[in-house]
């Protein structure tokens, strides 16, 4: 099986009880943000009550990637669902803080903590 280059966006989804854990790796630039949007909105449309977005291996996120996160949060909020972020790297965390997304989305240290809510 071929591995994903380190800067290419990779998205893995696994179900844990009623939640979906979405692990993103690599880089979510302008071109890749559509994939992230499609994945997150697809889960929201399936009425997944909680989406855990594991950002621990995300190297970079563009404004379009941040928009994907915000759209997923809006879609989940409309159906009383929740989006939780896990362990963003310093650069990604700085962007989340600067854009104030951390004021509307909880950030957890581990996936286990996010699952416990």
PDB file of N, CA and C in Angstrom:
ATOM      1  N   UNK A   1       0.851  -1.179   0.000  1.00  0.00           N
ATOM      2  CA  UNK A   1       0.000   0.000   0.000  1.00  0.00           C
ATOM      3  C   UNK A   1       0.893   1.236   0.000  1.00  0.00           C
ATOM      4  N   UNK A   2       0.592   2.169  -0.877  1.00  0.00           N
ATOM      5  CA  UNK A   2       1.381   3.393  -0.974  1.00  0.00           C
ATOM      6  C   UNK A   2       1.027   4.325   0.170  1.00  0.00           C
ATOM      7  N   UNK A   3       2.026   5.012   0.681  1.00  0.00           N
ATOM      8  CA  UNK A   3       1.767   5.959   1.764  1.00  0.00           C
ATOM      9  C   UNK A   3       1.511   7.342   1.189  1.00  0.00           C
ATOM     10  N   UNK A   4       0.843   8.160   1.976  1.00  0.00           N
ATOM     11  CA  UNK A   4       0.526   9.523   1.574  1.00  0.00           C
ATOM     12  C   UNK A   4       1.743  10.406   1.807  1.00  0.00           C
ATOM     13  N   UNK A   5       2.138  11.240   0.832  1.00  0.00           N
ATOM     14  CA  UNK A   5       3.237  12.179   1.078  1.00  0.00           C
ATOM     15  C   UNK A   5       2.906  13.048   2.285  1.00  0.00           C
ATOM     16  N   UNK A   6       3.921  13.452   3.080  1.00  0.00           N
ATOM     17  CA  UNK A   6       3.663  14.156   4.324  1.00  0.00           C
ATOM     18  C   UNK A   6       2.906  15.470   4.183  1.00  0.00           C
ATOM     19  N   UNK A   7       3.001  16.141   3.036  1.00  0.00           N
ATOM     20  CA  UNK A   7       2.318  17.426   2.896  1.00  0.00           C
ATOM     21  C   UNK A   7       0.940  17.289   2.256  1.00  0.00           C
ATOM     22  N   UNK A   8       0.580  16.109   1.784  1.00  0.00           N
ATOM     23  CA  UNK A   8      -0.727  15.887   1.179  1.00  0.00           C
ATOM     24  C   UNK A   8      -1.757  15.619   2.273  1.00  0.00           C
ATOM     25  N   UNK A   9      -2.966  16.089   2.065  1.00  0.00           N
ATOM     26  CA  UNK A   9      -4.018  15.901   3.054  1.00  0.00           C
ATOM     27  C   UNK A   9      -4.502  14.459   3.055  1.00  0.00           C
ATOM     28  N   UNK A  10      -4.521  13.866   4.237  1.00  0.00           N
ATOM     29  CA  UNK A  10      -5.074  12.525   4.423  1.00  0.00           C
ATOM     30  C   UNK A  10      -6.157  12.627   5.491  1.00  0.00           C
ATOM     31  N   UNK A  11      -7.292  11.986   5.227  1.00  0.00           N
ATOM     32  CA  UNK A  11      -8.418  12.022   6.150  1.00  0.00           C
ATOM     33  C   UNK A  11      -8.824  10.589   6.462  1.00  0.00           C
ATOM     34  N   UNK A  12      -8.865  10.265   7.753  1.00  0.00           N
ATOM     35  CA  UNK A  12      -9.304   8.944   8.199  1.00  0.00           C
ATOM     36  C   UNK A  12     -10.480   9.133   9.133  1.00  0.00           C
ATOM     37  N   UNK A  13     -11.536   8.354   8.925  1.00  0.00           N
ATOM     38  CA  UNK A  13     -12.715   8.444   9.779  1.00  0.00           C
ATOM     39  C   UNK A  13     -12.942   7.093  10.432  1.00  0.00           C
ATOM     40  N   UNK A  14     -13.179   7.118  11.729  1.00  0.00           N
ATOM     41  CA  UNK A  14     -13.568   5.899  12.437  1.00  0.00           C
ATOM     42  C   UNK A  14     -14.711   6.237  13.379  1.00  0.00           C
ATOM     43  N   UNK A  15     -15.581   5.278  13.560  1.00  0.00           N
ATOM     44  CA  UNK A  15     -16.717   5.470  14.456  1.00  0.00           C
ATOM     45  C   UNK A  15     -16.375   4.922  15.820  1.00  0.00           C
ATOM     46  N   UNK A  16     -16.707   5.694  16.842  1.00  0.00           N
ATOM     47  CA  UNK A  16     -16.541   5.275  18.230  1.00  0.00           C
ATOM     48  C   UNK A  16     -17.856   5.595  18.922  1.00  0.00           C
ATOM     49  N   UNK A  17     -18.629   4.564  19.220  1.00  0.00           N
ATOM     50  CA  UNK A  17     -19.968   4.722  19.799  1.00  0.00           C
ATOM     51  C   UNK A  17     -20.790   5.633  18.883  1.00  0.00           C
ATOM     52  N   UNK A  18     -21.325   6.740  19.405  1.00  0.00           N
ATOM     53  CA  UNK A  18     -22.148   7.651  18.614  1.00  0.00           C
ATOM     54  C   UNK A  18     -21.336   8.749  17.932  1.00  0.00           C
ATOM     55  N   UNK A  19     -20.029   8.715  18.091  1.00  0.00           N
ATOM     56  CA  UNK A  19     -19.169   9.772  17.551  1.00  0.00           C
ATOM     57  C   UNK A  19     -18.414   9.291  16.314  1.00  0.00           C
ATOM     58  N   UNK A  20     -17.968  10.254  15.539  1.00  0.00           N
ATOM     59  CA  UNK A  20     -17.048   9.990  14.431  1.00  0.00           C
ATOM     60  C   UNK A  20     -15.747  10.713  14.754  1.00  0.00           C
ATOM     61  N   UNK A  21     -14.653   9.983  14.742  1.00  0.00           N
ATOM     62  CA  UNK A  21     -13.336  10.579  14.953  1.00  0.00           C
ATOM     63  C   UNK A  21     -12.706  10.764  13.581  1.00  0.00           C
ATOM     64  N   UNK A  22     -12.426  12.012  13.246  1.00  0.00           N
ATOM     65  CA  UNK A  22     -11.855  12.353  11.940  1.00  0.00           C
ATOM     66  C   UNK A  22     -10.422  12.815  12.181  1.00  0.00           C
ATOM     67  N   UNK A  23      -9.494  12.010  11.713  1.00  0.00           N
ATOM     68  CA  UNK A  23      -8.068  12.348  11.871  1.00  0.00           C
ATOM     69  C   UNK A  23      -7.570  12.918  10.552  1.00  0.00           C
ATOM     70  N   UNK A  24      -7.029  14.123  10.628  1.00  0.00           N
ATOM     71  CA  UNK A  24      -6.481  14.750   9.423  1.00  0.00           C
ATOM     72  C   UNK A  24      -4.971  14.871   9.568  1.00  0.00           C
ATOM     73  N   UNK A  25      -4.281  14.548   8.471  1.00  0.00           N
ATOM     74  CA  UNK A  25      -2.822  14.626   8.453  1.00  0.00           C
ATOM     75  C   UNK A  25      -2.386  15.410   7.234  1.00  0.00           C
ATOM     76  N   UNK A  26      -1.223  16.018   7.364  1.00  0.00           N
ATOM     77  CA  UNK A  26      -0.646  16.727   6.229  1.00  0.00           C
ATOM     78  C   UNK A  26      -1.020  18.189   6.224  1.00  0.00           C
ATOM     79  N   UNK A  27      -1.514  18.645   5.081  1.00  0.00           N
ATOM     80  CA  UNK A  27      -1.779  20.062   4.880  1.00  0.00           C
ATOM     81  C   UNK A  27      -3.132  20.257   4.218  1.00  0.00           C
ATOM     82  N   UNK A  28      -3.920  21.181   4.758  1.00  0.00           N
ATOM     83  CA  UNK A  28      -5.217  21.516   4.167  1.00  0.00           C
ATOM     84  C   UNK A  28      -5.129  22.912   3.575  1.00  0.00           C
ATOM     85  N   UNK A  29      -4.593  22.976   2.371  1.00  0.00           N
ATOM     86  CA  UNK A  29      -4.506  24.245   1.663  1.00  0.00           C
ATOM     87  C   UNK A  29      -5.790  24.515   0.903  1.00  0.00           C
ATOM     88  N   UNK A  30      -5.762  25.508   0.051  1.00  0.00           N
ATOM     89  CA  UNK A  30      -6.946  25.906  -0.712  1.00  0.00           C
ATOM     90  C   UNK A  30      -7.494  24.754  -1.558  1.00  0.00           C
ATOM     91  N   UNK A  31      -6.621  23.985  -2.175  1.00  0.00           N
ATOM     92  CA  UNK A  31      -7.062  22.911  -3.061  1.00  0.00           C
ATOM     93  C   UNK A  31      -7.648  21.730  -2.309  1.00  0.00           C
ATOM     94  N   UNK A  32      -7.141  21.451  -1.120  1.00  0.00           N
ATOM     95  CA  UNK A  32      -7.578  20.282  -0.352  1.00  0.00           C
ATOM     96  C   UNK A  32      -8.780  20.557   0.545  1.00  0.00           C
ATOM     97  N   UNK A  33      -9.095  21.809   0.782  1.00  0.00           N
ATOM     98  CA  UNK A  33     -10.160  22.162   1.719  1.00  0.00           C
ATOM     99  C   UNK A  33     -11.512  21.581   1.309  1.00  0.00           C
ATOM    100  N   UNK A  34     -11.753  21.439   0.028  1.00  0.00           N
ATOM    101  CA  UNK A  34     -13.013  20.865  -0.450  1.00  0.00           C
ATOM    102  C   UNK A  34     -13.210  19.444   0.035  1.00  0.00           C
ATOM    103  N   UNK A  35     -12.141  18.673   0.064  1.00  0.00           N
ATOM    104  CA  UNK A  35     -12.224  17.296   0.570  1.00  0.00           C
ATOM    105  C   UNK A  35     -12.600  17.285   2.036  1.00  0.00           C
ATOM    106  N   UNK A  36     -11.998  18.191   2.803  1.00  0.00           N
ATOM    107  CA  UNK A  36     -12.302  18.269   4.227  1.00  0.00           C
ATOM    108  C   UNK A  36     -13.749  18.697   4.433  1.00  0.00           C
ATOM    109  N   UNK A  37     -14.188  19.682   3.665  1.00  0.00           N
ATOM    110  CA  UNK A  37     -15.577  20.140   3.743  1.00  0.00           C
ATOM    111  C   UNK A  37     -16.534  18.997   3.429  1.00  0.00           C
ATOM    112  N   UNK A  38     -16.290  18.290   2.340  1.00  0.00           N
ATOM    113  CA  UNK A  38     -17.162  17.184   1.935  1.00  0.00           C
ATOM    114  C   UNK A  38     -17.244  16.111   3.016  1.00  0.00           C
ATOM    115  N   UNK A  39     -16.110  15.774   3.598  1.00  0.00           N
ATOM    116  CA  UNK A  39     -16.080  14.722   4.628  1.00  0.00           C
ATOM    117  C   UNK A  39     -16.871  15.147   5.862  1.00  0.00           C
ATOM    118  N   UNK A  40     -16.616  16.353   6.346  1.00  0.00           N
ATOM    119  CA  UNK A  40     -17.279  16.820   7.564  1.00  0.00           C
ATOM    120  C   UNK A  40     -18.772  17.040   7.352  1.00  0.00           C
ATOM    121  N   UNK A  41     -19.146  17.663   6.235  1.00  0.00           N
ATOM    122  CA  UNK A  41     -20.562  17.887   5.966  1.00  0.00           C
ATOM    123  C   UNK A  41     -21.296  16.577   5.701  1.00  0.00           C
ATOM    124  N   UNK A  42     -20.612  15.621   5.108  1.00  0.00           N
ATOM    125  CA  UNK A  42     -21.210  14.302   4.895  1.00  0.00           C
ATOM    126  C   UNK A  42     -21.553  13.640   6.222  1.00  0.00           C
ATOM    127  N   UNK A  43     -20.670  13.752   7.192  1.00  0.00           N
ATOM    128  CA  UNK A  43     -20.947  13.196   8.517  1.00  0.00           C
ATOM    129  C   UNK A  43     -22.089  13.947   9.196  1.00  0.00           C
ATOM    130  N   UNK A  44     -22.102  15.265   9.046  1.00  0.00           N
ATOM    131  CA  UNK A  44     -23.184  16.063   9.633  1.00  0.00           C
ATOM    132  C   UNK A  44     -24.526  15.673   9.012  1.00  0.00           C
ATOM    133  N   UNK A  45     -24.552  15.432   7.705  1.00  0.00           N
ATOM    134  CA  UNK A  45     -25.786  15.033   7.026  1.00  0.00           C
ATOM    135  C   UNK A  45     -26.270  13.660   7.479  1.00  0.00           C
ATOM    136  N   UNK A  46     -25.351  12.824   7.954  1.00  0.00           N
ATOM    137  CA  UNK A  46     -25.713  11.502   8.482  1.00  0.00           C
ATOM    138  C   UNK A  46     -26.210  11.597   9.924  1.00  0.00           C
ATOM    139  N   UNK A  47     -26.297  12.827  10.425  1.00  0.00           N
ATOM    140  CA  UNK A  47     -26.759  13.091  11.793  1.00  0.00           C
ATOM    141  C   UNK A  47     -25.859  12.444  12.849  1.00  0.00           C
ATOM    142  N   UNK A  48     -24.568  12.441  12.575  1.00  0.00           N
ATOM    143  CA  UNK A  48     -23.614  11.989  13.591  1.00  0.00           C
ATOM    144  C   UNK A  48     -23.642  13.042  14.697  1.00  0.00           C
ATOM    145  N   UNK A  49     -23.969  12.650  15.940  1.00  0.00           N
ATOM    146  CA  UNK A  49     -24.151  13.649  16.991  1.00  0.00           C
ATOM    147  C   UNK A  49     -22.870  14.368  17.425  1.00  0.00           C
ATOM    148  N   UNK A  50     -21.735  13.683  17.328  1.00  0.00           N
ATOM    149  CA  UNK A  50     -20.469  14.293  17.742  1.00  0.00           C
ATOM    150  C   UNK A  50     -19.396  13.946  16.719  1.00  0.00           C
ATOM    151  N   UNK A  51     -18.722  14.980  16.241  1.00  0.00           N
ATOM    152  CA  UNK A  51     -17.554  14.778  15.383  1.00  0.00           C
ATOM    153  C   UNK A  51     -16.340  15.277  16.140  1.00  0.00           C
ATOM    154  N   UNK A  52     -15.373  14.383  16.295  1.00  0.00           N
ATOM    155  CA  UNK A  52     -14.102  14.714  16.932  1.00  0.00           C
ATOM    156  C   UNK A  52     -13.105  14.921  15.805  1.00  0.00           C
ATOM    157  N   UNK A  53     -12.565  16.118  15.694  1.00  0.00           N
ATOM    158  CA  UNK A  53     -11.611  16.440  14.641  1.00  0.00           C
ATOM    159  C   UNK A  53     -10.204  16.425  15.236  1.00  0.00           C
ATOM    160  N   UNK A  54      -9.484  15.346  14.975  1.00  0.00           N
ATOM    161  CA  UNK A  54      -8.130  15.162  15.512  1.00  0.00           C
ATOM    162  C   UNK A  54      -7.145  15.896  14.607  1.00  0.00           C
ATOM    163  N   UNK A  55      -6.617  16.998  15.116  1.00  0.00           N
ATOM    164  CA  UNK A  55      -5.709  17.858  14.349  1.00  0.00           C
ATOM    165  C   UNK A  55      -4.238  17.659  14.731  1.00  0.00           C
ATOM    166  N   UNK A  56      -3.945  16.623  15.487  1.00  0.00           N
ATOM    167  CA  UNK A  56      -2.589  16.449  16.015  1.00  0.00           C
ATOM    168  C   UNK A  56      -1.533  16.238  14.929  1.00  0.00           C
ATOM    169  N   UNK A  57      -1.934  15.773  13.749  1.00  0.00           N
ATOM    170  CA  UNK A  57      -0.985  15.563  12.652  1.00  0.00           C
ATOM    171  C   UNK A  57      -1.210  16.501  11.479  1.00  0.00           C
ATOM    172  N   UNK A  58      -1.987  17.574  11.698  1.00  0.00           N
ATOM    173  CA  UNK A  58      -2.219  18.557  10.648  1.00  0.00           C
ATOM    174  C   UNK A  58      -1.126  19.613  10.716  1.00  0.00           C
ATOM    175  N   UNK A  59      -0.361  19.733   9.642  1.00  0.00           N
ATOM    176  CA  UNK A  59       0.771  20.654   9.599  1.00  0.00           C
ATOM    177  C   UNK A  59       0.360  22.095   9.306  1.00  0.00           C
ATOM    178  N   UNK A  60      -0.648  22.256   8.432  1.00  0.00           N
ATOM    179  CA  UNK A  60      -1.052  23.581   7.973  1.00  0.00           C
ATOM    180  C   UNK A  60      -2.522  23.548   7.607  1.00  0.00           C
ATOM    181  N   UNK A  61      -3.208  24.659   7.836  1.00  0.00           N
ATOM    182  CA  UNK A  61      -4.594  24.793   7.395  1.00  0.00           C
ATOM    183  C   UNK A  61      -4.787  26.205   6.843  1.00  0.00           C
ATOM    184  N   UNK A  62      -5.402  26.286   5.677  1.00  0.00           N
ATOM    185  CA  UNK A  62      -5.658  27.582   5.037  1.00  0.00           C
ATOM    186  C   UNK A  62      -6.977  28.151   5.536  1.00  0.00           C
ATOM    187  N   UNK A  63      -7.293  29.346   5.076  1.00  0.00           N
ATOM    188  CA  UNK A  63      -8.580  29.949   5.441  1.00  0.00           C
ATOM    189  C   UNK A  63      -9.728  29.100   4.909  1.00  0.00           C
ATOM    190  N   UNK A  64      -9.536  28.453   3.768  1.00  0.00           N
ATOM    191  CA  UNK A  64     -10.576  27.577   3.230  1.00  0.00           C
ATOM    192  C   UNK A  64     -10.773  26.354   4.134  1.00  0.00           C
ATOM    193  N   UNK A  65      -9.694  25.844   4.690  1.00  0.00           N
ATOM    194  CA  UNK A  65      -9.796  24.734   5.638  1.00  0.00           C
ATOM    195  C   UNK A  65     -10.500  25.152   6.917  1.00  0.00           C
ATOM    196  N   UNK A  66     -10.195  26.359   7.388  1.00  0.00           N
ATOM    197  CA  UNK A  66     -10.893  26.889   8.562  1.00  0.00           C
ATOM    198  C   UNK A  66     -12.380  27.061   8.253  1.00  0.00           C
ATOM    199  N   UNK A  67     -12.679  27.470   7.023  1.00  0.00           N
ATOM    200  CA  UNK A  67     -14.071  27.589   6.599  1.00  0.00           C
ATOM    201  C   UNK A  67     -14.783  26.242   6.620  1.00  0.00           C
ATOM    202  N   UNK A  68     -14.076  25.184   6.253  1.00  0.00           N
ATOM    203  CA  UNK A  68     -14.653  23.838   6.297  1.00  0.00           C
ATOM    204  C   UNK A  68     -15.043  23.465   7.722  1.00  0.00           C
ATOM    205  N   UNK A  69     -14.169  23.788   8.659  1.00  0.00           N
ATOM    206  CA  UNK A  69     -14.455  23.502  10.068  1.00  0.00           C
ATOM    207  C   UNK A  69     -15.659  24.313  10.536  1.00  0.00           C
ATOM    208  N   UNK A  70     -15.707  25.563  10.159  1.00  0.00           N
ATOM    209  CA  UNK A  70     -16.815  26.420  10.571  1.00  0.00           C
ATOM    210  C   UNK A  70     -18.145  25.962   9.962  1.00  0.00           C
ATOM    211  N   UNK A  71     -18.121  25.557   8.693  1.00  0.00           N
ATOM    212  CA  UNK A  71     -19.353  25.048   8.061  1.00  0.00           C
ATOM    213  C   UNK A  71     -19.841  23.785   8.742  1.00  0.00           C
ATOM    214  N   UNK A  72     -18.909  22.904   9.106  1.00  0.00           N
ATOM    215  CA  UNK A  72     -19.304  21.676   9.809  1.00  0.00           C
ATOM    216  C   UNK A  72     -19.890  22.009  11.168  1.00  0.00           C
ATOM    217  N   UNK A  73     -19.299  22.951  11.854  1.00  0.00           N
ATOM    218  CA  UNK A  73     -19.818  23.361  13.163  1.00  0.00           C
ATOM    219  C   UNK A  73     -21.233  23.910  13.032  1.00  0.00           C
ATOM    220  N   UNK A  74     -21.465  24.735  12.016  1.00  0.00           N
ATOM    221  CA  UNK A  74     -22.790  25.316  11.788  1.00  0.00           C
ATOM    222  C   UNK A  74     -23.815  24.225  11.473  1.00  0.00           C
ATOM    223  N   UNK A  75     -23.444  23.278  10.599  1.00  0.00           N
ATOM    224  CA  UNK A  75     -24.352  22.188  10.243  1.00  0.00           C
ATOM    225  C   UNK A  75     -24.676  21.322  11.459  1.00  0.00           C
ATOM    226  N   UNK A  76     -23.680  21.015  12.257  1.00  0.00           N
ATOM    227  CA  UNK A  76     -23.905  20.198  13.454  1.00  0.00           C
ATOM    228  C   UNK A  76     -24.728  20.948  14.491  1.00  0.00           C
ATOM    229  N   UNK A  77     -24.435  22.208  14.664  1.00  0.00           N
ATOM    230  CA  UNK A  77     -25.154  23.027  15.646  1.00  0.00           C
ATOM    231  C   UNK A  77     -26.649  23.095  15.300  1.00  0.00           C
ATOM    232  N   UNK A  78     -26.956  23.153  14.007  1.00  0.00           N
ATOM    233  CA  UNK A  78     -28.350  23.227  13.568  1.00  0.00           C
ATOM    234  C   UNK A  78     -29.140  21.979  13.962  1.00  0.00           C
ATOM    235  N   UNK A  79     -28.473  20.833  14.048  1.00  0.00           N
ATOM    236  CA  UNK A  79     -29.169  19.602  14.447  1.00  0.00           C
ATOM    237  C   UNK A  79     -28.742  19.158  15.845  1.00  0.00           C
ATOM    238  N   UNK A  80     -28.296  20.126  16.640  1.00  0.00           N
ATOM    239  CA  UNK A  80     -27.914  19.905  18.037  1.00  0.00           C
ATOM    240  C   UNK A  80     -26.734  18.944  18.216  1.00  0.00           C
ATOM    241  N   UNK A  81     -25.899  18.867  17.195  1.00  0.00           N
ATOM    242  CA  UNK A  81     -24.694  18.059  17.284  1.00  0.00           C
ATOM    243  C   UNK A  81     -23.521  18.901  17.769  1.00  0.00           C
ATOM    244  N   UNK A  82     -22.372  18.271  17.903  1.00  0.00           N
ATOM    245  CA  UNK A  82     -21.195  18.975  18.419  1.00  0.00           C
ATOM    246  C   UNK A  82     -19.955  18.616  17.611  1.00  0.00           C
ATOM    247  N   UNK A  83     -19.109  19.607  17.445  1.00  0.00           N
ATOM    248  CA  UNK A  83     -17.800  19.424  16.821  1.00  0.00           C
ATOM    249  C   UNK A  83     -16.762  19.761  17.879  1.00  0.00           C
ATOM    250  N   UNK A  84     -15.826  18.851  18.091  1.00  0.00           N
ATOM    251  CA  UNK A  84     -14.776  19.045  19.087  1.00  0.00           C
ATOM    252  C   UNK A  84     -13.421  18.866  18.415  1.00  0.00           C
ATOM    253  N   UNK A  85     -12.497  19.737  18.762  1.00  0.00           N
ATOM    254  CA  UNK A  85     -11.148  19.695  18.194  1.00  0.00           C
ATOM    255  C   UNK A  85     -10.188  19.037  19.172  1.00  0.00           C
ATOM    256  N   UNK A  86      -9.201  18.337  18.613  1.00  0.00           N
ATOM    257  CA  UNK A  86      -8.196  17.668  19.445  1.00  0.00           C
ATOM    258  C   UNK A  86      -6.803  18.086  19.027  1.00  0.00           C
ATOM    259  N   UNK A  87      -6.058  18.526  20.001  1.00  0.00           N
ATOM    260  CA  UNK A  87      -4.615  18.756  19.953  1.00  0.00           C
ATOM    261  C   UNK A  87      -4.066  19.355  18.657  1.00  0.00           C
ATOM    262  N   UNK A  88      -4.506  20.557  18.302  1.00  0.00           N
ATOM    263  CA  UNK A  88      -3.917  21.188  17.121  1.00  0.00           C
ATOM    264  C   UNK A  88      -2.451  21.559  17.372  1.00  0.00           C
ATOM    265  N   UNK A  89      -1.637  21.407  16.358  1.00  0.00           N
ATOM    266  CA  UNK A  89      -0.226  21.813  16.450  1.00  0.00           C
ATOM    267  C   UNK A  89      -0.150  23.324  16.648  1.00  0.00           C
ATOM    268  N   UNK A  90       0.976  23.836  17.114  1.00  0.00           N
ATOM    269  CA  UNK A  90       1.078  25.265  17.443  1.00  0.00           C
ATOM    270  C   UNK A  90       0.661  26.219  16.327  1.00  0.00           C
ATOM    271  N   UNK A  91       1.085  25.977  15.090  1.00  0.00           N
ATOM    272  CA  UNK A  91       0.716  26.872  13.989  1.00  0.00           C
ATOM    273  C   UNK A  91      -0.794  26.844  13.748  1.00  0.00           C
ATOM    274  N   UNK A  92      -1.359  25.653  13.738  1.00  0.00           N
ATOM    275  CA  UNK A  92      -2.801  25.514  13.531  1.00  0.00           C
ATOM    276  C   UNK A  92      -3.556  26.125  14.707  1.00  0.00           C
ATOM    277  N   UNK A  93      -3.071  25.890  15.926  1.00  0.00           N
ATOM    278  CA  UNK A  93      -3.720  26.462  17.111  1.00  0.00           C
ATOM    279  C   UNK A  93      -3.708  27.990  17.054  1.00  0.00           C
ATOM    280  N   UNK A  94      -2.594  28.551  16.601  1.00  0.00           N
ATOM    281  CA  UNK A  94      -2.501  30.006  16.502  1.00  0.00           C
ATOM    282  C   UNK A  94      -3.561  30.552  15.541  1.00  0.00           C
ATOM    283  N   UNK A  95      -3.750  29.892  14.408  1.00  0.00           N
ATOM    284  CA  UNK A  95      -4.772  30.315  13.453  1.00  0.00           C
ATOM    285  C   UNK A  95      -6.173  30.167  14.042  1.00  0.00           C
ATOM    286  N   UNK A  96      -6.410  29.072  14.747  1.00  0.00           N
ATOM    287  CA  UNK A  96      -7.711  28.871  15.391  1.00  0.00           C
ATOM    288  C   UNK A  96      -7.976  29.954  16.438  1.00  0.00           C
ATOM    289  N   UNK A  97      -6.941  30.310  17.198  1.00  0.00           N
ATOM    290  CA  UNK A  97      -7.079  31.372  18.205  1.00  0.00           C
ATOM    291  C   UNK A  97      -7.292  32.732  17.542  1.00  0.00           C
ATOM    292  N   UNK A  98      -6.506  33.020  16.516  1.00  0.00           N
ATOM    293  CA  UNK A  98      -6.592  34.306  15.826  1.00  0.00           C
ATOM    294  C   UNK A  98      -7.967  34.524  15.211  1.00  0.00           C
ATOM    295  N   UNK A  99      -8.531  33.467  14.658  1.00  0.00           N
ATOM    296  CA  UNK A  99      -9.851  33.567  14.029  1.00  0.00           C
ATOM    297  C   UNK A  99     -10.989  33.383  15.034  1.00  0.00           C
ATOM    298  N   UNK A 100     -10.630  33.173  16.285  1.00  0.00           N
ATOM    299  CA  UNK A 100     -11.598  33.013  17.384  1.00  0.00           C
ATOM    300  C   UNK A 100     -12.449  31.754  17.282  1.00  0.00           C
ATOM    301  N   UNK A 101     -12.029  30.790  16.482  1.00  0.00           N
ATOM    302  CA  UNK A 101     -12.759  29.527  16.422  1.00  0.00           C
ATOM    303  C   UNK A 101     -12.685  28.783  17.748  1.00  0.00           C
ATOM    304  N   UNK A 102     -11.615  29.006  18.497  1.00  0.00           N
ATOM    305  CA  UNK A 102     -11.508  28.345  19.800  1.00  0.00           C
ATOM    306  C   UNK A 102     -12.505  28.904  20.808  1.00  0.00           C
ATOM    307  N   UNK A 103     -13.131  30.026  20.483  1.00  0.00           N
ATOM    308  CA  UNK A 103     -14.157  30.551  21.394  1.00  0.00           C
ATOM    309  C   UNK A 103     -15.510  29.875  21.163  1.00  0.00           C
ATOM    310  N   UNK A 104     -15.683  29.212  20.020  1.00  0.00           N
ATOM    311  CA  UNK A 104     -16.945  28.519  19.743  1.00  0.00           C
ATOM    312  C   UNK A 104     -16.784  27.009  19.628  1.00  0.00           C
ATOM    313  N   UNK A 105     -15.540  26.526  19.593  1.00  0.00           N
ATOM    314  CA  UNK A 105     -15.277  25.098  19.510  1.00  0.00           C
ATOM    315  C   UNK A 105     -14.365  24.675  20.647  1.00  0.00           C
ATOM    316  N   UNK A 106     -14.763  23.662  21.402  1.00  0.00           N
ATOM    317  CA  UNK A 106     -13.893  23.202  22.476  1.00  0.00           C
ATOM    318  C   UNK A 106     -12.666  22.483  21.914  1.00  0.00           C
ATOM    319  N   UNK A 107     -11.534  22.685  22.590  1.00  0.00           N
ATOM    320  CA  UNK A 107     -10.288  22.045  22.195  1.00  0.00           C
ATOM    321  C   UNK A 107      -9.847  21.128  23.334  1.00  0.00           C
ATOM    322  N   UNK A 108      -9.591  19.870  23.009  1.00  0.00           N
ATOM    323  CA  UNK A 108      -9.197  18.859  23.987  1.00  0.00           C
ATOM    324  C   UNK A 108      -7.770  18.403  23.714  1.00  0.00           C
ATOM    325  N   UNK A 109      -7.130  17.864  24.736  1.00  0.00           N
ATOM    326  CA  UNK A 109      -5.752  17.371  24.582  1.00  0.00           C
ATOM    327  C   UNK A 109      -5.696  16.008  23.884  1.00  0.00           C
ATOM    328  N   UNK A 110      -6.705  15.168  24.120  1.00  0.00           N
ATOM    329  CA  UNK A 110      -6.704  13.820  23.551  1.00  0.00           C
ATOM    330  C   UNK A 110      -8.081  13.482  22.979  1.00  0.00           C
ATOM    331  N   UNK A 111      -8.104  12.494  22.109  1.00  0.00           N
ATOM    332  CA  UNK A 111      -9.363  12.018  21.561  1.00  0.00           C
ATOM    333  C   UNK A 111     -10.246  11.465  22.681  1.00  0.00           C
ATOM    334  N   UNK A 112      -9.639  10.773  23.620  1.00  0.00           N
ATOM    335  CA  UNK A 112     -10.397  10.194  24.734  1.00  0.00           C
ATOM    336  C   UNK A 112     -11.105  11.276  25.541  1.00  0.00           C
ATOM    337  N   UNK A 113     -10.410  12.381  25.815  1.00  0.00           N
ATOM    338  CA  UNK A 113     -11.032  13.491  26.536  1.00  0.00           C
ATOM    339  C   UNK A 113     -12.181  14.093  25.731  1.00  0.00           C
ATOM    340  N   UNK A 114     -11.988  14.220  24.413  1.00  0.00           N
ATOM    341  CA  UNK A 114     -13.035  14.779  23.554  1.00  0.00           C
ATOM    342  C   UNK A 114     -14.249  13.851  23.517  1.00  0.00           C
ATOM    343  N   UNK A 115     -14.024  12.565  23.508  1.00  0.00           N
ATOM    344  CA  UNK A 115     -15.129  11.614  23.519  1.00  0.00           C
ATOM    345  C   UNK A 115     -15.926  11.702  24.821  1.00  0.00           C
ATOM    346  N   UNK A 116     -15.219  11.933  25.920  1.00  0.00           N
ATOM    347  CA  UNK A 116     -15.886  12.056  27.222  1.00  0.00           C
ATOM    348  C   UNK A 116     -16.664  13.365  27.317  1.00  0.00           C
ATOM    349  N   UNK A 117     -16.260  14.346  26.511  1.00  0.00           N
ATOM    350  CA  UNK A 117     -16.962  15.611  26.399  1.00  0.00           C
ATOM    351  C   UNK A 117     -16.826  16.520  27.531  1.00  0.00           C
TER     352      UNK A 117
END
